[in-house]
Amino acid sequence: MDSLIKKLSKKAIDLSGKSKKELERTCWMIVHEYKHGAMPTEYDIREIDEELYLQVLSVAKEMI
């Protein structure tokens, strides 16, 4: 497994805390931060790497 994906997945899990329902959103936020260098703001609609997001989400779900 790619160490970057594992690292981003762990970060997303940590960010979502006890609310695993938030996992999709936090994975998106973490990938956004990785790609753009900052967490998204409320109206930030810049694109992210969809493939990376799906990989991070999948690994995060496996890690839970």
Protein backbone atom coordinates (compact mmCIF):
# COMPACT_ATOMS: atom_id res chain seq x y z
CA MET A 1 0.00 0.00 0.00
CA ASP A 2 1.28 3.43 -0.88
CA SER A 3 2.59 5.22 2.21
CA LEU A 4 1.13 8.56 1.07
CA ILE A 5 -2.36 7.09 0.86
CA LYS A 6 -1.96 5.44 4.25
CA LYS A 7 -0.72 8.71 5.78
CA LEU A 8 -3.59 10.74 4.30
CA SER A 9 -6.13 8.10 5.37
CA LYS A 10 -4.85 8.16 8.96
CA LYS A 11 -5.04 11.95 8.98
CA ALA A 12 -8.64 11.82 7.73
CA ILE A 13 -9.60 9.30 10.41
CA ASP A 14 -8.00 11.49 13.09
CA LEU A 15 -9.82 14.56 11.76
CA SER A 16 -13.21 12.85 11.64
CA GLY A 17 -12.87 11.84 15.29
CA LYS A 18 -15.72 9.77 16.65
CA SER A 19 -18.00 10.72 13.76
CA LYS A 20 -17.21 8.11 11.13
CA LYS A 21 -20.16 9.49 9.14
CA GLU A 22 -17.91 12.46 8.39
CA LEU A 23 -15.22 10.25 6.85
CA GLU A 24 -16.07 11.03 3.21
CA ARG A 25 -15.96 14.76 3.89
CA THR A 26 -12.73 14.61 5.88
CA CYS A 27 -11.04 12.47 3.23
CA TRP A 28 -12.02 15.09 0.66
CA MET A 29 -10.63 17.85 2.90
CA ILE A 30 -7.34 16.04 3.46
CA VAL A 31 -6.85 15.40 -0.27
CA HIS A 32 -7.71 19.06 -0.93
CA GLU A 33 -5.10 20.13 1.61
CA TYR A 34 -2.52 17.81 0.03
CA LYS A 35 -3.18 19.11 -3.49
CA HIS A 36 -3.64 22.83 -2.77
CA GLY A 37 -1.57 23.29 0.39
CA ALA A 38 -4.49 24.42 2.57
CA MET A 39 -7.74 23.13 3.97
CA PRO A 40 -10.74 24.17 1.88
CA THR A 41 -12.77 27.20 2.84
CA GLU A 42 -16.55 27.17 2.79
CA TYR A 43 -16.79 28.22 -0.85
CA ASP A 44 -13.63 26.55 -2.14
CA ILE A 45 -14.57 24.59 -5.23
CA ARG A 46 -11.12 23.83 -6.64
CA GLU A 47 -10.87 20.35 -8.04
CA ILE A 48 -9.04 17.55 -6.30
CA ASP A 49 -7.51 14.33 -7.61
CA GLU A 50 -10.60 12.11 -7.70
CA GLU A 51 -8.58 8.89 -7.94
CA LEU A 52 -6.46 9.83 -4.93
CA TYR A 53 -9.61 10.76 -2.96
CA LEU A 54 -11.21 7.38 -3.69
CA GLN A 55 -8.04 5.53 -2.69
CA VAL A 56 -7.75 7.50 0.56
CA LEU A 57 -11.44 6.91 1.35
CA SER A 58 -11.15 3.20 0.66
CA VAL A 59 -8.06 2.76 2.82
CA ALA A 60 -9.56 4.87 5.62
CA LYS A 61 -12.67 2.68 5.65
CA GLU A 62 -10.46 -0.42 5.87
CA MET A 63 -8.47 1.09 8.74
CA ILE A 64 -11.57 1.75 10.86
